C-alpha atoms as a PDB file:
ATOM      1  CA  UNK A   1     -78.405 117.788 -64.214  1.00  0.00           C
ATOM      2  CA  UNK A   2     -74.773 118.865 -64.025  1.00  0.00           C
ATOM      3  CA  UNK A   3     -73.328 122.239 -64.970  1.00  0.00           C
ATOM      4  CA  UNK A   4     -70.080 122.215 -66.927  1.00  0.00           C
ATOM      5  CA  UNK A   5     -69.054 125.719 -67.911  1.00  0.00           C
ATOM      6  CA  UNK A   6     -65.861 125.613 -70.012  1.00  0.00           C
ATOM      7  CA  UNK A   7     -65.004 129.211 -69.150  1.00  0.00           C
ATOM      8  CA  UNK A   8     -64.822 128.497 -65.408  1.00  0.00           C
ATOM      9  CA  UNK A   9     -64.361 124.735 -65.148  1.00  0.00           C
ATOM     10  CA  UNK A  10     -62.358 124.125 -68.278  1.00  0.00           C
ATOM     11  CA  UNK A  11     -63.463 122.059 -71.262  1.00  0.00           C
ATOM     12  CA  UNK A  12     -64.746 118.549 -70.593  1.00  0.00           C
ATOM     13  CA  UNK A  13     -62.486 115.628 -71.404  1.00  0.00           C
ATOM     14  CA  UNK A  14     -63.461 112.876 -73.796  1.00  0.00           C
ATOM     15  CA  UNK A  15     -63.207 110.342 -70.961  1.00  0.00           C
ATOM     16  CA  UNK A  16     -65.599 112.305 -68.725  1.00  0.00           C
ATOM     17  CA  UNK A  17     -68.039 112.806 -71.597  1.00  0.00           C
ATOM     18  CA  UNK A  18     -68.016 109.118 -72.514  1.00  0.00           C
ATOM     19  CA  UNK A  19     -68.465 108.084 -68.862  1.00  0.00           C
ATOM     20  CA  UNK A  20     -71.427 110.456 -68.529  1.00  0.00           C
ATOM     21  CA  UNK A  21     -73.039 108.834 -71.564  1.00  0.00           C
ATOM     22  CA  UNK A  22     -72.386 105.350 -70.149  1.00  0.00           C
ATOM     23  CA  UNK A  23     -74.456 106.255 -67.090  1.00  0.00           C
ATOM     24  CA  UNK A  24     -77.543 106.819 -69.301  1.00  0.00           C
ATOM     25  CA  UNK A  25     -77.547 104.007 -71.933  1.00  0.00           C
ATOM     26  CA  UNK A  26     -81.331 103.585 -72.276  1.00  0.00           C
ATOM     27  CA  UNK A  27     -82.206 107.267 -72.737  1.00  0.00           C
ATOM     28  CA  UNK A  28     -82.716 109.029 -76.084  1.00  0.00           C
ATOM     29  CA  UNK A  29     -79.738 111.297 -76.814  1.00  0.00           C
ATOM     30  CA  UNK A  30     -80.548 114.859 -77.811  1.00  0.00           C
ATOM     31  CA  UNK A  31     -78.381 117.910 -78.395  1.00  0.00           C
ATOM     32  CA  UNK A  32     -79.574 121.457 -77.784  1.00  0.00           C
ATOM     33  CA  UNK A  33     -77.485 123.942 -79.785  1.00  0.00           C
ATOM     34  CA  UNK A  34     -79.366 127.123 -78.780  1.00  0.00           C
ATOM     35  CA  UNK A  35     -82.015 127.839 -76.179  1.00  0.00           C
ATOM     36  CA  UNK A  36     -85.067 125.836 -77.283  1.00  0.00           C
ATOM     37  CA  UNK A  37     -83.402 124.602 -80.512  1.00  0.00           C
ATOM     38  CA  UNK A  38     -82.463 120.943 -80.824  1.00  0.00           C
ATOM     39  CA  UNK A  39     -80.583 118.933 -83.422  1.00  0.00           C
ATOM     40  CA  UNK A  40     -83.283 117.075 -85.375  1.00  0.00           C
ATOM     41  CA  UNK A  41     -84.066 113.615 -83.976  1.00  0.00           C
ATOM     42  CA  UNK A  42     -82.952 112.073 -87.301  1.00  0.00           C
ATOM     43  CA  UNK A  43     -79.356 113.210 -86.749  1.00  0.00           C
ATOM     44  CA  UNK A  44     -76.431 110.952 -87.567  1.00  0.00           C
ATOM     45  CA  UNK A  45     -73.029 110.843 -85.917  1.00  0.00           C
ATOM     46  CA  UNK A  46     -71.135 111.112 -89.186  1.00  0.00           C
ATOM     47  CA  UNK A  47     -67.612 110.960 -87.816  1.00  0.00           C
ATOM     48  CA  UNK A  48     -65.507 111.266 -84.737  1.00  0.00           C
ATOM     49  CA  UNK A  49     -62.232 113.100 -85.273  1.00  0.00           C
ATOM     50  CA  UNK A  50     -59.164 113.229 -83.070  1.00  0.00           C
ATOM     51  CA  UNK A  51     -57.138 116.358 -83.715  1.00  0.00           C
ATOM     52  CA  UNK A  52     -53.736 116.971 -82.156  1.00  0.00           C
ATOM     53  CA  UNK A  53     -53.237 120.745 -81.936  1.00  0.00           C
ATOM     54  CA  UNK A  54     -49.822 122.419 -81.756  1.00  0.00           C
ATOM     55  CA  UNK A  55     -49.691 126.195 -81.590  1.00  0.00           C
ATOM     56  CA  UNK A  56     -47.438 129.073 -80.639  1.00  0.00           C
ATOM     57  CA  UNK A  57     -49.221 131.848 -78.764  1.00  0.00           C
ATOM     58  CA  UNK A  58     -48.612 135.593 -78.893  1.00  0.00           C
ATOM     59  CA  UNK A  59     -46.128 135.265 -76.016  1.00  0.00           C
ATOM     60  CA  UNK A  60     -43.999 132.902 -78.097  1.00  0.00           C
ATOM     61  CA  UNK A  61     -44.878 129.824 -76.020  1.00  0.00           C
ATOM     62  CA  UNK A  62     -45.615 126.526 -77.738  1.00  0.00           C
ATOM     63  CA  UNK A  63     -48.838 124.826 -76.632  1.00  0.00           C
ATOM     64  CA  UNK A  64     -50.242 121.419 -77.498  1.00  0.00           C
ATOM     65  CA  UNK A  65     -53.443 119.568 -76.732  1.00  0.00           C
ATOM     66  CA  UNK A  66     -55.778 117.080 -78.355  1.00  0.00           C
ATOM     67  CA  UNK A  67     -59.434 117.475 -79.279  1.00  0.00           C
ATOM     68  CA  UNK A  68     -62.022 114.792 -79.968  1.00  0.00           C
ATOM     69  CA  UNK A  69     -64.713 116.220 -82.228  1.00  0.00           C
ATOM     70  CA  UNK A  70     -68.044 114.444 -82.642  1.00  0.00           C
ATOM     71  CA  UNK A  71     -69.730 115.586 -85.847  1.00  0.00           C
ATOM     72  CA  UNK A  72     -73.537 115.577 -86.062  1.00  0.00           C
ATOM     73  CA  UNK A  73     -75.487 115.811 -89.324  1.00  0.00           C
ATOM     74  CA  UNK A  74     -79.195 116.314 -89.990  1.00  0.00           C
ATOM     75  CA  UNK A  75     -80.495 114.533 -93.111  1.00  0.00           C
ATOM     76  CA  UNK A  76     -82.711 116.657 -95.389  1.00  0.00           C
ATOM     77  CA  UNK A  77     -85.626 114.266 -94.870  1.00  0.00           C
ATOM     78  CA  UNK A  78     -86.780 113.392 -91.357  1.00  0.00           C
ATOM     79  CA  UNK A  79     -86.096 109.667 -90.918  1.00  0.00           C
ATOM     80  CA  UNK A  80     -87.293 108.946 -87.370  1.00  0.00           C
ATOM     81  CA  UNK A  81     -89.431 110.559 -84.685  1.00  0.00           C
ATOM     82  CA  UNK A  82     -87.098 109.765 -81.759  1.00  0.00           C
ATOM     83  CA  UNK A  83     -83.407 110.411 -81.496  1.00  0.00           C
ATOM     84  CA  UNK A  84     -80.998 107.511 -81.120  1.00  0.00           C
ATOM     85  CA  UNK A  85     -80.494 106.041 -77.694  1.00  0.00           C
ATOM     86  CA  UNK A  86     -77.259 106.745 -75.861  1.00  0.00           C
ATOM     87  CA  UNK A  87     -76.367 103.045 -76.196  1.00  0.00           C
ATOM     88  CA  UNK A  88     -76.413 103.338 -80.013  1.00  0.00           C
ATOM     89  CA  UNK A  89     -74.122 106.392 -79.850  1.00  0.00           C
ATOM     90  CA  UNK A  90     -71.750 104.418 -77.613  1.00  0.00           C
ATOM     91  CA  UNK A  91     -71.710 101.582 -80.185  1.00  0.00           C
ATOM     92  CA  UNK A  92     -70.576 104.109 -82.795  1.00  0.00           C
ATOM     93  CA  UNK A  93     -67.866 105.256 -80.358  1.00  0.00           C
ATOM     94  CA  UNK A  94     -66.767 101.628 -79.850  1.00  0.00           C
ATOM     95  CA  UNK A  95     -66.567 101.127 -83.622  1.00  0.00           C
ATOM     96  CA  UNK A  96     -64.427 104.268 -83.987  1.00  0.00           C
ATOM     97  CA  UNK A  97     -62.155 103.293 -81.104  1.00  0.00           C
ATOM     98  CA  UNK A  98     -61.402  99.916 -82.709  1.00  0.00           C
ATOM     99  CA  UNK A  99     -59.563 101.833 -85.451  1.00  0.00           C
ATOM    100  CA  UNK A 100     -58.659 105.043 -83.654  1.00  0.00           C
ATOM    101  CA  UNK A 101     -57.983 104.918 -79.907  1.00  0.00           C
ATOM    102  CA  UNK A 102     -59.339 108.222 -78.574  1.00  0.00           C
ATOM    103  CA  UNK A 103     -57.361 110.092 -75.941  1.00  0.00           C
ATOM    104  CA  UNK A 104     -59.476 110.131 -72.741  1.00  0.00           C
ATOM    105  CA  UNK A 105     -57.794 113.412 -71.692  1.00  0.00           C
ATOM    106  CA  UNK A 106     -58.628 115.172 -74.975  1.00  0.00           C
ATOM    107  CA  UNK A 107     -61.015 118.111 -74.994  1.00  0.00           C
ATOM    108  CA  UNK A 108     -64.387 117.061 -76.403  1.00  0.00           C
ATOM    109  CA  UNK A 109     -66.308 119.215 -78.852  1.00  0.00           C
ATOM    110  CA  UNK A 110     -69.521 118.653 -80.765  1.00  0.00           C
ATOM    111  CA  UNK A 111     -69.586 119.927 -84.355  1.00  0.00           C
ATOM    112  CA  UNK A 112     -72.960 120.823 -85.813  1.00  0.00           C
ATOM    113  CA  UNK A 113     -74.678 123.103 -88.271  1.00  0.00           C
ATOM    114  CA  UNK A 114     -77.790 123.244 -90.412  1.00  0.00           C
ATOM    115  CA  UNK A 115     -79.459 125.702 -92.800  1.00  0.00           C
ATOM    116  CA  UNK A 116     -80.438 127.965 -89.870  1.00  0.00           C
ATOM    117  CA  UNK A 117     -77.275 127.602 -87.781  1.00  0.00           C
ATOM    118  CA  UNK A 118     -73.730 128.021 -89.106  1.00  0.00           C
ATOM    119  CA  UNK A 119     -71.537 124.981 -88.568  1.00  0.00           C
ATOM    120  CA  UNK A 120     -69.401 125.363 -85.475  1.00  0.00           C
ATOM    121  CA  UNK A 121     -67.720 123.393 -82.741  1.00  0.00           C
ATOM    122  CA  UNK A 122     -69.291 123.646 -79.301  1.00  0.00           C
ATOM    123  CA  UNK A 123     -68.562 122.280 -75.861  1.00  0.00           C
ATOM    124  CA  UNK A 124     -70.893 120.027 -73.879  1.00  0.00           C
ATOM    125  CA  UNK A 125     -72.137 122.461 -71.241  1.00  0.00           C
ATOM    126  CA  UNK A 126     -74.983 121.057 -69.186  1.00  0.00           C
ATOM    127  CA  UNK A 127     -76.620 117.628 -69.112  1.00  0.00           C
ATOM    128  CA  UNK A 128     -80.287 117.077 -68.359  1.00  0.00           C
ATOM    129  CA  UNK A 129     -82.371 113.918 -68.167  1.00  0.00           C
ATOM    130  CA  UNK A 130     -86.150 113.937 -68.066  1.00  0.00           C
ATOM    131  CA  UNK A 131     -87.507 110.426 -68.019  1.00  0.00           C
ATOM    132  CA  UNK A 132     -86.773 109.093 -71.512  1.00  0.00           C
ATOM    133  CA  UNK A 133     -84.407 111.771 -72.822  1.00  0.00           C
ATOM    134  CA  UNK A 134     -80.801 112.685 -72.077  1.00  0.00           C
ATOM    135  CA  UNK A 135     -80.018 116.169 -73.390  1.00  0.00           C
ATOM    136  CA  UNK A 136     -76.573 117.631 -73.939  1.00  0.00           C
ATOM    137  CA  UNK A 137     -76.801 121.424 -73.957  1.00  0.00           C
ATOM    138  CA  UNK A 138     -74.022 122.827 -76.091  1.00  0.00           C
ATOM    139  CA  UNK A 139     -72.144 126.051 -75.375  1.00  0.00           C
ATOM    140  CA  UNK A 140     -70.112 128.041 -77.898  1.00  0.00           C
ATOM    141  CA  UNK A 141     -66.387 127.643 -78.263  1.00  0.00           C
ATOM    142  CA  UNK A 142     -64.446 130.731 -77.196  1.00  0.00           C
ATOM    143  CA  UNK A 143     -61.117 132.346 -77.927  1.00  0.00           C
ATOM    144  CA  UNK A 144     -58.570 133.310 -75.333  1.00  0.00           C
ATOM    145  CA  UNK A 145     -55.131 134.823 -74.971  1.00  0.00           C
ATOM    146  CA  UNK A 146     -53.018 132.047 -73.506  1.00  0.00           C
ATOM    147  CA  UNK A 147     -50.258 134.468 -72.492  1.00  0.00           C
ATOM    148  CA  UNK A 148     -52.685 136.442 -70.353  1.00  0.00           C
ATOM    149  CA  UNK A 149     -54.105 133.266 -68.801  1.00  0.00           C
ATOM    150  CA  UNK A 150     -50.557 132.518 -67.613  1.00  0.00           C
ATOM    151  CA  UNK A 151     -50.441 136.058 -66.138  1.00  0.00           C
ATOM    152  CA  UNK A 152     -47.788 136.881 -68.695  1.00  0.00           C
ATOM    153  CA  UNK A 153     -47.671 139.078 -71.721  1.00  0.00           C
ATOM    154  CA  UNK A 154     -46.685 138.833 -75.345  1.00  0.00           C
ATOM    155  CA  UNK A 155     -42.916 138.977 -74.805  1.00  0.00           C
ATOM    156  CA  UNK A 156     -43.136 142.316 -72.980  1.00  0.00           C
ATOM    157  CA  UNK A 157     -42.247 143.151 -69.353  1.00  0.00           C
ATOM    158  CA  UNK A 158     -45.857 143.379 -68.157  1.00  0.00           C
ATOM    159  CA  UNK A 159     -49.359 142.390 -69.188  1.00  0.00           C
ATOM    160  CA  UNK A 160     -50.199 146.107 -69.416  1.00  0.00           C
ATOM    161  CA  UNK A 161     -47.981 146.411 -72.493  1.00  0.00           C
ATOM    162  CA  UNK A 162     -48.878 143.064 -74.028  1.00  0.00           C
ATOM    163  CA  UNK A 163     -50.219 142.584 -77.530  1.00  0.00           C
ATOM    164  CA  UNK A 164     -53.641 142.257 -75.945  1.00  0.00           C
ATOM    165  CA  UNK A 165     -53.543 145.653 -74.243  1.00  0.00           C
ATOM    166  CA  UNK A 166     -54.596 148.893 -75.939  1.00  0.00           C
ATOM    167  CA  UNK A 167     -51.874 150.477 -78.062  1.00  0.00           C
ATOM    168  CA  UNK A 168     -49.949 153.173 -76.212  1.00  0.00           C
ATOM    169  CA  UNK A 169     -50.568 156.779 -77.226  1.00  0.00           C
ATOM    170  CA  UNK A 170     -47.721 157.959 -79.432  1.00  0.00           C
ATOM    171  CA  UNK A 171     -46.061 161.194 -78.471  1.00  0.00           C
ATOM    172  CA  UNK A 172     -45.216 163.667 -81.180  1.00  0.00           C
ATOM    173  CA  UNK A 173     -41.487 164.290 -81.347  1.00  0.00           C
ATOM    174  CA  UNK A 174     -40.057 167.718 -81.848  1.00  0.00           C
ATOM    175  CA  UNK A 175     -36.916 168.081 -83.940  1.00  0.00           C
ATOM    176  CA  UNK A 176     -34.549 170.758 -82.710  1.00  0.00           C
ATOM    177  CA  UNK A 177     -31.999 172.194 -85.120  1.00  0.00           C
ATOM    178  CA  UNK A 178     -28.485 173.211 -84.127  1.00  0.00           C
ATOM    179  CA  UNK A 179     -29.506 176.856 -84.034  1.00  0.00           C
ATOM    180  CA  UNK A 180     -32.225 176.022 -81.469  1.00  0.00           C
ATOM    181  CA  UNK A 181     -35.167 176.401 -83.841  1.00  0.00           C
ATOM    182  CA  UNK A 182     -37.649 173.581 -83.801  1.00  0.00           C
ATOM    183  CA  UNK A 183     -39.047 171.890 -86.875  1.00  0.00           C
ATOM    184  CA  UNK A 184     -42.730 171.078 -86.604  1.00  0.00           C
ATOM    185  CA  UNK A 185     -44.988 169.564 -89.243  1.00  0.00           C
ATOM    186  CA  UNK A 186     -46.398 172.321 -91.409  1.00  0.00           C
ATOM    187  CA  UNK A 187     -43.719 174.871 -90.397  1.00  0.00           C
ATOM    188  CA  UNK A 188     -41.960 174.612 -93.752  1.00  0.00           C
ATOM    189  CA  UNK A 189     -38.590 173.653 -92.334  1.00  0.00           C
ATOM    190  CA  UNK A 190     -38.846 170.015 -93.355  1.00  0.00           C
END
Protein backbone atom coordinates (compact mmCIF):
# COMPACT_ATOMS: atom_id res chain seq x y z
CA UNK A 1 0.00 0.00 0.00
CA UNK A 2 1.36 3.44 -0.86
CA UNK A 3 0.10 6.78 0.40
CA UNK A 4 -0.18 9.57 -2.15
CA UNK A 5 -1.69 12.68 -0.62
CA UNK A 6 -2.09 15.40 -3.28
CA UNK A 7 -2.13 18.15 -0.67
CA UNK A 8 1.35 17.27 0.63
CA UNK A 9 2.95 15.26 -2.16
CA UNK A 10 1.34 16.91 -5.14
CA UNK A 11 -1.00 15.24 -7.61
CA UNK A 12 0.13 11.98 -9.19
CA UNK A 13 1.33 12.04 -12.77
CA UNK A 14 -0.24 9.95 -15.50
CA UNK A 15 3.08 8.14 -16.01
CA UNK A 16 3.34 7.17 -12.32
CA UNK A 17 -0.29 6.04 -12.26
CA UNK A 18 0.11 3.92 -15.38
CA UNK A 19 3.35 2.37 -14.06
CA UNK A 20 1.62 1.51 -10.78
CA UNK A 21 -1.12 -0.27 -12.71
CA UNK A 22 1.46 -2.14 -14.81
CA UNK A 23 2.89 -3.65 -11.63
CA UNK A 24 -0.47 -5.34 -10.87
CA UNK A 25 -1.82 -6.68 -14.23
CA UNK A 26 -3.58 -9.80 -12.90
CA UNK A 27 -5.51 -8.13 -10.07
CA UNK A 28 -9.12 -6.92 -10.26
CA UNK A 29 -9.20 -3.11 -10.41
CA UNK A 30 -11.52 -1.37 -7.97
CA UNK A 31 -12.06 2.27 -7.10
CA UNK A 32 -13.17 3.45 -3.68
CA UNK A 33 -14.77 6.91 -3.90
CA UNK A 34 -15.73 7.27 -0.21
CA UNK A 35 -14.87 5.27 2.89
CA UNK A 36 -16.46 1.85 2.34
CA UNK A 37 -18.11 2.87 -0.98
CA UNK A 38 -16.81 1.38 -4.21
CA UNK A 39 -17.58 1.98 -7.87
CA UNK A 40 -19.80 -0.95 -8.91
CA UNK A 41 -17.84 -3.91 -10.31
CA UNK A 42 -19.70 -3.49 -13.64
CA UNK A 43 -18.07 -0.10 -14.25
CA UNK A 44 -16.81 0.88 -17.68
CA UNK A 45 -13.93 3.18 -18.54
CA UNK A 46 -15.99 5.31 -20.91
CA UNK A 47 -13.29 7.72 -22.00
CA UNK A 48 -9.88 9.06 -21.22
CA UNK A 49 -9.53 12.80 -21.73
CA UNK A 50 -6.40 14.90 -21.99
CA UNK A 51 -7.08 18.50 -21.03
CA UNK A 52 -4.51 21.26 -21.42
CA UNK A 53 -5.31 23.95 -18.83
CA UNK A 54 -4.24 27.59 -19.16
CA UNK A 55 -5.24 30.00 -16.43
CA UNK A 56 -4.40 33.37 -14.95
CA UNK A 57 -4.44 33.42 -11.15
CA UNK A 58 -5.48 36.23 -8.82
CA UNK A 59 -1.88 37.50 -8.78
CA UNK A 60 -2.00 37.99 -12.54
CA UNK A 61 0.37 35.09 -13.29
CA UNK A 62 -0.35 32.75 -16.18
CA UNK A 63 -0.24 29.05 -15.30
CA UNK A 64 -0.49 25.99 -17.52
CA UNK A 65 -0.61 22.26 -16.94
CA UNK A 66 -2.19 19.17 -18.44
CA UNK A 67 -4.65 16.74 -16.89
CA UNK A 68 -5.48 13.19 -17.93
CA UNK A 69 -8.99 12.35 -16.77
CA UNK A 70 -10.19 8.75 -16.67
CA UNK A 71 -13.98 8.65 -16.67
CA UNK A 72 -15.77 5.74 -14.97
CA UNK A 73 -19.44 4.88 -15.53
CA UNK A 74 -21.74 2.44 -13.74
CA UNK A 75 -24.37 0.82 -15.98
CA UNK A 76 -27.92 0.77 -14.55
CA UNK A 77 -27.95 -3.03 -14.62
CA UNK A 78 -25.18 -5.00 -12.92
CA UNK A 79 -23.34 -6.85 -15.70
CA UNK A 80 -20.61 -8.76 -13.85
CA UNK A 81 -19.75 -9.82 -10.32
CA UNK A 82 -16.03 -8.97 -10.51
CA UNK A 83 -14.44 -5.76 -11.67
CA UNK A 84 -12.18 -5.76 -14.72
CA UNK A 85 -8.60 -6.80 -14.28
CA UNK A 86 -5.89 -4.16 -14.38
CA UNK A 87 -4.63 -5.71 -17.64
CA UNK A 88 -7.98 -4.97 -19.34
CA UNK A 89 -7.84 -1.35 -18.15
CA UNK A 90 -4.31 -1.08 -19.57
CA UNK A 91 -5.58 -2.41 -22.93
CA UNK A 92 -8.11 0.43 -22.97
CA UNK A 93 -5.26 2.85 -22.20
CA UNK A 94 -3.21 1.38 -25.08
CA UNK A 95 -6.17 1.80 -27.44
CA UNK A 96 -6.57 5.45 -26.39
CA UNK A 97 -2.85 6.15 -26.71
CA UNK A 98 -2.82 4.89 -30.31
CA UNK A 99 -4.98 7.91 -31.20
CA UNK A 100 -4.09 10.32 -28.41
CA UNK A 101 -0.58 10.19 -26.92
CA UNK A 102 -1.07 10.98 -23.23
CA UNK A 103 1.41 13.26 -21.49
CA UNK A 104 3.21 11.16 -18.83
CA UNK A 105 3.78 14.33 -16.75
CA UNK A 106 0.08 15.28 -16.75
CA UNK A 107 -1.88 15.26 -13.51
CA UNK A 108 -4.17 12.23 -13.37
CA UNK A 109 -7.75 12.45 -12.15
CA UNK A 110 -10.55 9.92 -11.99
CA UNK A 111 -14.03 11.21 -12.86
CA UNK A 112 -16.98 9.39 -11.35
CA UNK A 113 -20.52 9.86 -10.14
CA UNK A 114 -23.70 7.87 -9.64
CA UNK A 115 -27.21 8.47 -8.28
CA UNK A 116 -25.86 8.67 -4.71
CA UNK A 117 -22.63 10.56 -5.42
CA UNK A 118 -22.38 13.76 -7.47
CA UNK A 119 -20.04 13.48 -10.43
CA UNK A 120 -16.63 14.89 -9.61
CA UNK A 121 -12.97 14.55 -10.44
CA UNK A 122 -10.80 12.96 -7.77
CA UNK A 123 -7.14 12.15 -7.35
CA UNK A 124 -5.73 8.66 -6.86
CA UNK A 125 -4.79 8.80 -3.18
CA UNK A 126 -3.81 5.42 -1.80
CA UNK A 127 -3.35 2.03 -3.44
CA UNK A 128 -4.09 -1.25 -1.71
CA UNK A 129 -3.81 -4.84 -2.90
CA UNK A 130 -5.33 -7.76 -1.03
CA UNK A 131 -4.75 -10.98 -2.89
CA UNK A 132 -6.98 -10.70 -5.96
CA UNK A 133 -7.94 -7.02 -5.83
CA UNK A 134 -6.07 -3.79 -6.51
CA UNK A 135 -7.96 -0.84 -5.04
CA UNK A 136 -7.43 2.81 -5.91
CA UNK A 137 -8.74 4.98 -3.08
CA UNK A 138 -9.82 8.32 -4.48
CA UNK A 139 -9.44 11.65 -2.69
CA UNK A 140 -11.35 14.83 -3.51
CA UNK A 141 -9.95 17.51 -5.75
CA UNK A 142 -9.21 20.76 -3.91
CA UNK A 143 -8.93 24.43 -4.71
CA UNK A 144 -5.95 26.59 -3.91
CA UNK A 145 -4.67 30.12 -4.28
CA UNK A 146 -1.65 29.81 -6.54
CA UNK A 147 -0.39 33.28 -5.60
CA UNK A 148 -0.23 32.30 -1.94
CA UNK A 149 1.50 29.00 -2.76
CA UNK A 150 4.24 31.09 -4.39
CA UNK A 151 4.42 33.15 -1.15
CA UNK A 152 3.12 36.09 -3.12
CA UNK A 153 -0.10 38.01 -3.13
CA UNK A 154 -2.68 39.17 -5.61
CA UNK A 155 -0.67 42.08 -7.02
CA UNK A 156 -0.27 43.70 -3.59
CA UNK A 157 2.92 44.34 -1.58
CA UNK A 158 2.33 41.52 0.91
CA UNK A 159 0.28 38.36 1.34
CA UNK A 160 -1.44 40.05 4.30
CA UNK A 161 -3.21 42.42 1.90
CA UNK A 162 -3.83 39.89 -0.85
CA UNK A 163 -7.22 39.10 -2.33
CA UNK A 164 -7.22 36.02 -0.14
CA UNK A 165 -6.81 37.93 3.12
CA UNK A 166 -9.72 39.39 5.09
CA UNK A 167 -10.88 42.79 3.86
CA UNK A 168 -9.34 45.66 5.82
CA UNK A 169 -11.61 47.57 8.19
CA UNK A 170 -12.65 50.83 6.57
CA UNK A 171 -12.16 53.96 8.59
CA UNK A 172 -14.88 56.56 8.59
CA UNK A 173 -13.64 59.84 7.18
CA UNK A 174 -14.55 63.14 8.71
CA UNK A 175 -15.11 66.11 6.42
CA UNK A 176 -13.91 69.40 7.84
CA UNK A 177 -15.33 72.62 6.44
CA UNK A 178 -13.32 75.81 6.00
CA UNK A 179 -14.83 77.26 9.15
CA UNK A 180 -13.54 74.26 11.14
CA UNK A 181 -16.92 72.59 11.62
CA UNK A 182 -17.04 68.92 10.79
CA UNK A 183 -19.71 67.27 8.68
CA UNK A 184 -20.78 63.89 9.99
CA UNK A 185 -23.50 61.62 8.64
CA UNK A 186 -26.81 62.57 10.20
CA UNK A 187 -25.62 66.06 11.27
CA UNK A 188 -27.64 67.77 8.55
CA UNK A 189 -24.71 69.55 6.97
CA UNK A 190 -24.53 67.26 3.96
